Amino acid sequence: GVVPAGSVDDTPVCHVDLMATFAELLGAQAPAS
């Protein structure tokens, strides 16, 4: 219902990005650390 099914993104991304992504999902600030 949120991520479009079958979509493809060729942007370079990294595992470290999960922290800030989930923080925004929760409506919180990413930890300064």
Full PDB file with SEQRES, HELIX, SHEET, SSBOND, CRYST1, ORIGX, SCALE, CONECT and MASTER records, all heavy atoms in Angstrom:
SEQRES   1 A   33  GLY VAL VAL PRO ALA GLY SER VAL ASP ASP THR PRO VAL          
SEQRES   2 A   33  CYS HIS VAL ASP LEU MET ALA THR PHE ALA GLU LEU LEU          
SEQRES   3 A   33  GLY ALA GLN ALA PRO ALA SER                                  
HELIX    1 AA1 ASP A   17  LEU A   25  1                                   9    
CRYST1    1.000    1.000    1.000  90.00  90.00  90.00 P 1           1          
ORIGX1      1.000000  0.000000  0.000000        0.00000                         
ORIGX2      0.000000  1.000000  0.000000        0.00000                         
ORIGX3      0.000000  0.000000  1.000000        0.00000                         
SCALE1      1.000000  0.000000  0.000000        0.00000                         
SCALE2      0.000000  1.000000  0.000000        0.00000                         
SCALE3      0.000000  0.000000  1.000000        0.00000                         
ATOM      1  N   GLY A   1       0.777  -1.215   0.000  1.00  0.00           N  
ATOM      2  CA  GLY A   1       0.000   0.000   0.000  1.00  0.00           C  
ATOM      3  C   GLY A   1       0.810   1.267   0.000  1.00  0.00           C  
ATOM      4  O   GLY A   1       0.253   2.364  -0.138  1.00  0.00           O  
ATOM      5  N   VAL A   2       2.132   1.159   0.150  1.00  0.00           N  
ATOM      6  CA  VAL A   2       3.002   2.343   0.175  1.00  0.00           C  
ATOM      7  C   VAL A   2       4.062   2.251  -0.912  1.00  0.00           C  
ATOM      8  O   VAL A   2       4.157   3.117  -1.782  1.00  0.00           O  
ATOM      9  CB  VAL A   2       3.659   2.531   1.562  1.00  0.00           C  
ATOM     10  CG1 VAL A   2       4.598   3.735   1.548  1.00  0.00           C  
ATOM     11  CG2 VAL A   2       2.601   2.695   2.641  1.00  0.00           C  
ATOM     12  N   VAL A   3       4.889   1.217  -0.891  1.00  0.00           N  
ATOM     13  CA  VAL A   3       5.918   1.023  -1.906  1.00  0.00           C  
ATOM     14  C   VAL A   3       5.256   0.494  -3.175  1.00  0.00           C  
ATOM     15  O   VAL A   3       4.578  -0.542  -3.130  1.00  0.00           O  
ATOM     16  CB  VAL A   3       6.997   0.042  -1.424  1.00  0.00           C  
ATOM     17  CG1 VAL A   3       7.925  -0.347  -2.566  1.00  0.00           C  
ATOM     18  CG2 VAL A   3       7.799   0.649  -0.281  1.00  0.00           C  
ATOM     19  N   PRO A   4       5.426   1.165  -4.308  1.00  0.00           N  
ATOM     20  CA  PRO A   4       4.814   0.685  -5.548  1.00  0.00           C  
ATOM     21  C   PRO A   4       5.342  -0.702  -5.928  1.00  0.00           C  
ATOM     22  O   PRO A   4       6.545  -0.921  -5.997  1.00  0.00           O  
ATOM     23  CB  PRO A   4       5.235   1.738  -6.582  1.00  0.00           C  
ATOM     24  CG  PRO A   4       5.573   2.958  -5.785  1.00  0.00           C  
ATOM     25  CD  PRO A   4       6.138   2.447  -4.498  1.00  0.00           C  
ATOM     26  N   ALA A   5       4.429  -1.632  -6.140  1.00  0.00           N  
ATOM     27  CA  ALA A   5       4.822  -3.000  -6.485  1.00  0.00           C  
ATOM     28  C   ALA A   5       5.593  -3.030  -7.793  1.00  0.00           C  
ATOM     29  O   ALA A   5       5.258  -2.347  -8.759  1.00  0.00           O  
ATOM     30  CB  ALA A   5       3.582  -3.882  -6.584  1.00  0.00           C  
ATOM     31  N   GLY A   6       6.658  -3.805  -7.815  1.00  0.00           N  
ATOM     32  CA  GLY A   6       7.444  -3.995  -9.017  1.00  0.00           C  
ATOM     33  C   GLY A   6       8.298  -2.817  -9.425  1.00  0.00           C  
ATOM     34  O   GLY A   6       8.812  -2.778 -10.538  1.00  0.00           O  
ATOM     35  N   SER A   7       8.500  -1.861  -8.517  1.00  0.00           N  
ATOM     36  CA  SER A   7       9.297  -0.688  -8.865  1.00  0.00           C  
ATOM     37  C   SER A   7      10.785  -0.988  -8.757  1.00  0.00           C  
ATOM     38  O   SER A   7      11.203  -1.912  -8.062  1.00  0.00           O  
ATOM     39  CB  SER A   7       8.929   0.502  -7.974  1.00  0.00           C  
ATOM     40  OG  SER A   7       9.025   0.177  -6.596  1.00  0.00           O  
ATOM     41  N   VAL A   8      11.571  -0.212  -9.483  1.00  0.00           N  
ATOM     42  CA  VAL A   8      13.018  -0.399  -9.543  1.00  0.00           C  
ATOM     43  C   VAL A   8      13.683   0.948  -9.364  1.00  0.00           C  
ATOM     44  O   VAL A   8      13.256   1.945  -9.951  1.00  0.00           O  
ATOM     45  CB  VAL A   8      13.450  -1.023 -10.892  1.00  0.00           C  
ATOM     46  CG1 VAL A   8      14.973  -1.159 -10.963  1.00  0.00           C  
ATOM     47  CG2 VAL A   8      12.793  -2.377 -11.097  1.00  0.00           C  
ATOM     48  N   ASP A   9      14.723   1.004  -8.530  1.00  0.00           N  
ATOM     49  CA  ASP A   9      15.466   2.236  -8.291  1.00  0.00           C  
ATOM     50  C   ASP A   9      16.948   1.932  -8.471  1.00  0.00           C  
ATOM     51  O   ASP A   9      17.477   1.013  -7.849  1.00  0.00           O  
ATOM     52  CB  ASP A   9      15.194   2.750  -6.866  1.00  0.00           C  
ATOM     53  CG  ASP A   9      15.668   4.174  -6.642  1.00  0.00           C  
ATOM     54  OD1 ASP A   9      16.853   4.458  -6.937  1.00  0.00           O  
ATOM     55  OD2 ASP A   9      14.882   5.009  -6.146  1.00  0.00           O  
ATOM     56  N   ASP A  10      17.610   2.707  -9.334  1.00  0.00           N  
ATOM     57  CA  ASP A  10      19.031   2.463  -9.603  1.00  0.00           C  
ATOM     58  C   ASP A  10      19.940   3.464  -8.906  1.00  0.00           C  
ATOM     59  O   ASP A  10      21.104   3.626  -9.271  1.00  0.00           O  
ATOM     60  CB  ASP A  10      19.300   2.459 -11.111  1.00  0.00           C  
ATOM     61  CG  ASP A  10      18.924   3.789 -11.780  1.00  0.00           C  
ATOM     62  OD1 ASP A  10      18.504   4.726 -11.079  1.00  0.00           O  
ATOM     63  OD2 ASP A  10      19.033   3.865 -13.023  1.00  0.00           O  
ATOM     64  N   THR A  11      19.429   4.133  -7.863  1.00  0.00           N  
ATOM     65  CA  THR A  11      20.227   5.082  -7.088  1.00  0.00           C  
ATOM     66  C   THR A  11      21.191   4.336  -6.170  1.00  0.00           C  
ATOM     67  O   THR A  11      20.796   3.377  -5.508  1.00  0.00           O  
ATOM     68  CB  THR A  11      19.312   5.968  -6.223  1.00  0.00           C  
ATOM     69  OG1 THR A  11      18.345   6.587  -7.052  1.00  0.00           O  
ATOM     70  CG2 THR A  11      20.114   7.009  -5.479  1.00  0.00           C  
ATOM     71  N   PRO A  12      22.453   4.730  -6.074  1.00  0.00           N  
ATOM     72  CA  PRO A  12      23.351   4.113  -5.092  1.00  0.00           C  
ATOM     73  C   PRO A  12      22.867   4.376  -3.658  1.00  0.00           C  
ATOM     74  O   PRO A  12      22.650   5.529  -3.272  1.00  0.00           O  
ATOM     75  CB  PRO A  12      24.694   4.800  -5.357  1.00  0.00           C  
ATOM     76  CG  PRO A  12      24.598   5.311  -6.754  1.00  0.00           C  
ATOM     77  CD  PRO A  12      23.162   5.695  -6.939  1.00  0.00           C  
ATOM     78  N   VAL A  13      22.659   3.315  -2.897  1.00  0.00           N  
ATOM     79  CA  VAL A  13      22.228   3.409  -1.505  1.00  0.00           C  
ATOM     80  C   VAL A  13      23.077   2.466  -0.672  1.00  0.00           C  
ATOM     81  O   VAL A  13      23.822   1.639  -1.201  1.00  0.00           O  
ATOM     82  CB  VAL A  13      20.731   3.072  -1.348  1.00  0.00           C  
ATOM     83  CG1 VAL A  13      19.865   4.064  -2.126  1.00  0.00           C  
ATOM     84  CG2 VAL A  13      20.432   1.640  -1.798  1.00  0.00           C  
ATOM     85  N   CYS A  14      22.939   2.570   0.646  1.00  0.00           N  
ATOM     86  CA  CYS A  14      23.803   1.799   1.551  1.00  0.00           C  
ATOM     87  C   CYS A  14      23.025   1.355   2.775  1.00  0.00           C  
ATOM     88  O   CYS A  14      22.058   2.010   3.197  1.00  0.00           O  
ATOM     89  CB  CYS A  14      24.991   2.675   1.959  1.00  0.00           C  
ATOM     90  SG  CYS A  14      26.281   1.811   2.892  1.00  0.00           S  
ATOM     91  N   HIS A  15      23.458   0.243   3.381  1.00  0.00           N  
ATOM     92  CA  HIS A  15      22.795  -0.273   4.584  1.00  0.00           C  
ATOM     93  C   HIS A  15      22.752   0.736   5.726  1.00  0.00           C  
ATOM     94  O   HIS A  15      21.837   0.689   6.556  1.00  0.00           O  
ATOM     95  CB  HIS A  15      23.516  -1.528   5.084  1.00  0.00           C  
ATOM     96  CG  HIS A  15      23.389  -2.718   4.187  1.00  0.00           C  
ATOM     97  ND1 HIS A  15      22.728  -2.688   2.986  1.00  0.00           N  
ATOM     98  CD2 HIS A  15      23.871  -3.990   4.315  1.00  0.00           C  
ATOM     99  CE1 HIS A  15      22.786  -3.877   2.416  1.00  0.00           C  
ATOM    100  NE2 HIS A  15      23.476  -4.684   3.205  1.00  0.00           N  
ATOM    101  N   VAL A  16      23.748   1.603   5.808  1.00  0.00           N  
ATOM    102  CA  VAL A  16      23.735   2.596   6.890  1.00  0.00           C  
ATOM    103  C   VAL A  16      22.511   3.495   6.801  1.00  0.00           C  
ATOM    104  O   VAL A  16      22.157   4.160   7.772  1.00  0.00           O  
ATOM    105  CB  VAL A  16      25.016   3.457   6.893  1.00  0.00           C  
ATOM    106  CG1 VAL A  16      26.238   2.631   7.246  1.00  0.00           C  
ATOM    107  CG2 VAL A  16      25.209   4.168   5.552  1.00  0.00           C  
ATOM    108  N   ASP A  17      21.846   3.532   5.656  1.00  0.00           N  
ATOM    109  CA  ASP A  17      20.705   4.418   5.458  1.00  0.00           C  
ATOM    110  C   ASP A  17      19.443   3.954   6.173  1.00  0.00           C  
ATOM    111  O   ASP A  17      18.476   4.711   6.284  1.00  0.00           O  
ATOM    112  CB  ASP A  17      20.408   4.565   3.962  1.00  0.00           C  
ATOM    113  CG  ASP A  17      21.550   5.223   3.207  1.00  0.00           C  
ATOM    114  OD1 ASP A  17      22.317   5.969   3.837  1.00  0.00           O  
ATOM    115  OD2 ASP A  17      21.681   4.975   1.991  1.00  0.00           O  
ATOM    116  N   LEU A  18      19.419   2.730   6.668  1.00  0.00           N  
ATOM    117  CA  LEU A  18      18.210   2.241   7.331  1.00  0.00           C  
ATOM    118  C   LEU A  18      17.894   3.029   8.591  1.00  0.00           C  
ATOM    119  O   LEU A  18      16.720   3.259   8.909  1.00  0.00           O  
ATOM    120  CB  LEU A  18      18.348   0.754   7.652  1.00  0.00           C  
ATOM    121  CG  LEU A  18      18.321  -0.185   6.433  1.00  0.00           C  
ATOM    122  CD1 LEU A  18      18.492  -1.630   6.877  1.00  0.00           C  
ATOM    123  CD2 LEU A  18      17.024  -0.018   5.645  1.00  0.00           C  
ATOM    124  N   MET A  19      18.896   3.464   9.331  1.00  0.00           N  
ATOM    125  CA  MET A  19      18.640   4.198  10.576  1.00  0.00           C  
ATOM    126  C   MET A  19      17.856   5.482  10.305  1.00  0.00           C  
ATOM    127  O   MET A  19      16.804   5.739  10.919  1.00  0.00           O  
ATOM    128  CB  MET A  19      19.948   4.509  11.292  1.00  0.00           C  
ATOM    129  CG  MET A  19      19.786   5.343  12.559  1.00  0.00           C  
ATOM    130  SD  MET A  19      18.930   4.487  13.901  1.00  0.00           S  
ATOM    131  CE  MET A  19      20.319   3.635  14.671  1.00  0.00           C  
ATOM    132  N   ALA A  20      18.334   6.321   9.398  1.00  0.00           N  
ATOM    133  CA  ALA A  20      17.645   7.581   9.113  1.00  0.00           C  
ATOM    134  C   ALA A  20      16.294   7.328   8.450  1.00  0.00           C  
ATOM    135  O   ALA A  20      15.326   8.064   8.691  1.00  0.00           O  
ATOM    136  CB  ALA A  20      18.523   8.465   8.225  1.00  0.00           C  
ATOM    137  N   THR A  21      16.213   6.298   7.621  1.00  0.00           N  
ATOM    138  CA  THR A  21      14.948   5.971   6.964  1.00  0.00           C  
ATOM    139  C   THR A  21      13.887   5.595   7.980  1.00  0.00           C  
ATOM    140  O   THR A  21      12.754   6.100   7.941  1.00  0.00           O  
ATOM    141  CB  THR A  21      15.157   4.817   5.971  1.00  0.00           C  
ATOM    142  OG1 THR A  21      16.153   5.177   5.016  1.00  0.00           O  
ATOM    143  CG2 THR A  21      13.868   4.479   5.251  1.00  0.00           C  
ATOM    144  N   PHE A  22      14.238   4.719   8.908  1.00  0.00           N  
ATOM    145  CA  PHE A  22      13.267   4.296   9.908  1.00  0.00           C  
ATOM    146  C   PHE A  22      12.954   5.412  10.898  1.00  0.00           C  
ATOM    147  O   PHE A  22      11.823   5.512  11.394  1.00  0.00           O  
ATOM    148  CB  PHE A  22      13.758   3.045  10.629  1.00  0.00           C  
ATOM    149  CG  PHE A  22      13.742   1.808   9.779  1.00  0.00           C  
ATOM    150  CD1 PHE A  22      14.798   0.910   9.804  1.00  0.00           C  
ATOM    151  CD2 PHE A  22      12.674   1.543   8.937  1.00  0.00           C  
ATOM    152  CE1 PHE A  22      14.788  -0.229   9.017  1.00  0.00           C  
ATOM    153  CE2 PHE A  22      12.648   0.399   8.138  1.00  0.00           C  
ATOM    154  CZ  PHE A  22      13.705  -0.493   8.185  1.00  0.00           C  
ATOM    155  N   ALA A  23      13.931   6.249  11.192  1.00  0.00           N  
ATOM    156  CA  ALA A  23      13.662   7.386  12.066  1.00  0.00           C  
ATOM    157  C   ALA A  23      12.600   8.286  11.437  1.00  0.00           C  
ATOM    158  O   ALA A  23      11.643   8.714  12.106  1.00  0.00           O  
ATOM    159  CB  ALA A  23      14.943   8.178  12.339  1.00  0.00           C  
ATOM    160  N   GLU A  24      12.749   8.565  10.159  1.00  0.00           N  
ATOM    161  CA  GLU A  24      11.745   9.398   9.494  1.00  0.00           C  
ATOM    162  C   GLU A  24      10.395   8.693   9.439  1.00  0.00           C  
ATOM    163  O   GLU A  24       9.342   9.325   9.617  1.00  0.00           O  
ATOM    164  CB  GLU A  24      12.212   9.763   8.084  1.00  0.00           C  
ATOM    165  CG  GLU A  24      11.269  10.744   7.409  1.00  0.00           C  
ATOM    166  CD  GLU A  24      11.757  11.255   6.077  1.00  0.00           C  
ATOM    167  OE1 GLU A  24      12.829  10.804   5.606  1.00  0.00           O  
ATOM    168  OE2 GLU A  24      11.073  12.120   5.504  1.00  0.00           O  
ATOM    169  N   LEU A  25      10.397   7.390   9.200  1.00  0.00           N  
ATOM    170  CA  LEU A  25       9.148   6.635   9.200  1.00  0.00           C  
ATOM    171  C   LEU A  25       8.419   6.776  10.533  1.00  0.00           C  
ATOM    172  O   LEU A  25       7.182   6.878  10.581  1.00  0.00           O  
ATOM    173  CB  LEU A  25       9.450   5.162   8.901  1.00  0.00           C  
ATOM    174  CG  LEU A  25       8.299   4.175   8.812  1.00  0.00           C  
ATOM    175  CD1 LEU A  25       8.652   3.032   7.869  1.00  0.00           C  
ATOM    176  CD2 LEU A  25       7.952   3.589  10.184  1.00  0.00           C  
ATOM    177  N   LEU A  26       9.181   6.808  11.624  1.00  0.00           N  
ATOM    178  CA  LEU A  26       8.611   6.919  12.968  1.00  0.00           C  
ATOM    179  C   LEU A  26       8.314   8.354  13.371  1.00  0.00           C  
ATOM    180  O   LEU A  26       7.794   8.595  14.461  1.00  0.00           O  
ATOM    181  CB  LEU A  26       9.580   6.295  13.989  1.00  0.00           C  
ATOM    182  CG  LEU A  26       9.830   4.790  13.842  1.00  0.00           C  
ATOM    183  CD1 LEU A  26      10.973   4.352  14.749  1.00  0.00           C  
ATOM    184  CD2 LEU A  26       8.559   3.996  14.151  1.00  0.00           C  
ATOM    185  N   GLY A  27       8.665   9.311  12.500  1.00  0.00           N  
ATOM    186  CA  GLY A  27       8.456  10.708  12.843  1.00  0.00           C  
ATOM    187  C   GLY A  27       9.453  11.223  13.846  1.00  0.00           C  
ATOM    188  O   GLY A  27       9.177  12.185  14.570  1.00  0.00           O  
ATOM    189  N   ALA A  28      10.623  10.607  13.895  1.00  0.00           N  
ATOM    190  CA  ALA A  28      11.661  10.987  14.857  1.00  0.00           C  
ATOM    191  C   ALA A  28      12.874  11.534  14.125  1.00  0.00           C  
ATOM    192  O   ALA A  28      13.028  11.358  12.915  1.00  0.00           O  
ATOM    193  CB  ALA A  28      12.064   9.781  15.698  1.00  0.00           C  
ATOM    194  N   GLN A  29      13.740  12.197  14.856  1.00  0.00           N  
ATOM    195  CA  GLN A  29      15.012  12.634  14.302  1.00  0.00           C  
ATOM    196  C   GLN A  29      15.991  11.460  14.303  1.00  0.00           C  
ATOM    197  O   GLN A  29      16.018  10.667  15.248  1.00  0.00           O  
ATOM    198  CB  GLN A  29      15.595  13.784  15.131  1.00  0.00           C  
ATOM    199  CG  GLN A  29      14.852  15.101  14.977  1.00  0.00           C  
ATOM    200  CD  GLN A  29      15.040  15.715  13.602  1.00  0.00           C  
ATOM    201  OE1 GLN A  29      16.085  15.544  12.971  1.00  0.00           O  
ATOM    202  NE2 GLN A  29      14.039  16.427  13.128  1.00  0.00           N  
ATOM    203  N   ALA A  30      16.782  11.358  13.257  1.00  0.00           N  
ATOM    204  CA  ALA A  30      17.837  10.351  13.259  1.00  0.00           C  
ATOM    205  C   ALA A  30      18.809  10.662  14.383  1.00  0.00           C  
ATOM    206  O   ALA A  30      19.130  11.831  14.617  1.00  0.00           O  
ATOM    207  CB  ALA A  30      18.563  10.330  11.927  1.00  0.00           C  
ATOM    208  N   PRO A  31      19.282   9.653  15.118  1.00  0.00           N  
ATOM    209  CA  PRO A  31      20.239   9.914  16.193  1.00  0.00           C  
ATOM    210  C   PRO A  31      21.474  10.642  15.678  1.00  0.00           C  
ATOM    211  O   PRO A  31      21.947  10.376  14.564  1.00  0.00           O  
ATOM    212  CB  PRO A  31      20.601   8.510  16.689  1.00  0.00           C  
ATOM    213  CG  PRO A  31      19.457   7.647  16.273  1.00  0.00           C  
ATOM    214  CD  PRO A  31      18.966   8.220  14.981  1.00  0.00           C  
ATOM    215  N   ALA A  32      21.977  11.566  16.479  1.00  0.00           N  
ATOM    216  CA  ALA A  32      23.182  12.299  16.074  1.00  0.00           C  
ATOM    217  C   ALA A  32      24.355  11.365  15.847  1.00  0.00           C  
ATOM    218  O   ALA A  32      25.270  11.675  15.073  1.00  0.00           O  
ATOM    219  CB  ALA A  32      23.529  13.345  17.133  1.00  0.00           C  
ATOM    220  N   SER A  33      24.336  10.205  16.510  1.00  0.00           N  
ATOM    221  CA  SER A  33      25.439   9.249  16.369  1.00  0.00           C  
ATOM    222  C   SER A  33      25.393   8.491  15.053  1.00  0.00           C  
ATOM    223  O   SER A  33      26.334   7.781  14.708  1.00  0.00           O  
ATOM    224  CB  SER A  33      25.411   8.256  17.528  1.00  0.00           C  
ATOM    225  OG  SER A  33      24.191   7.536  17.547  1.00  0.00           O  
TER     226      SER A  33                                                      
MASTER        0    0    0    1    0    0    0    6  225    1    0    3          
END                                                                             
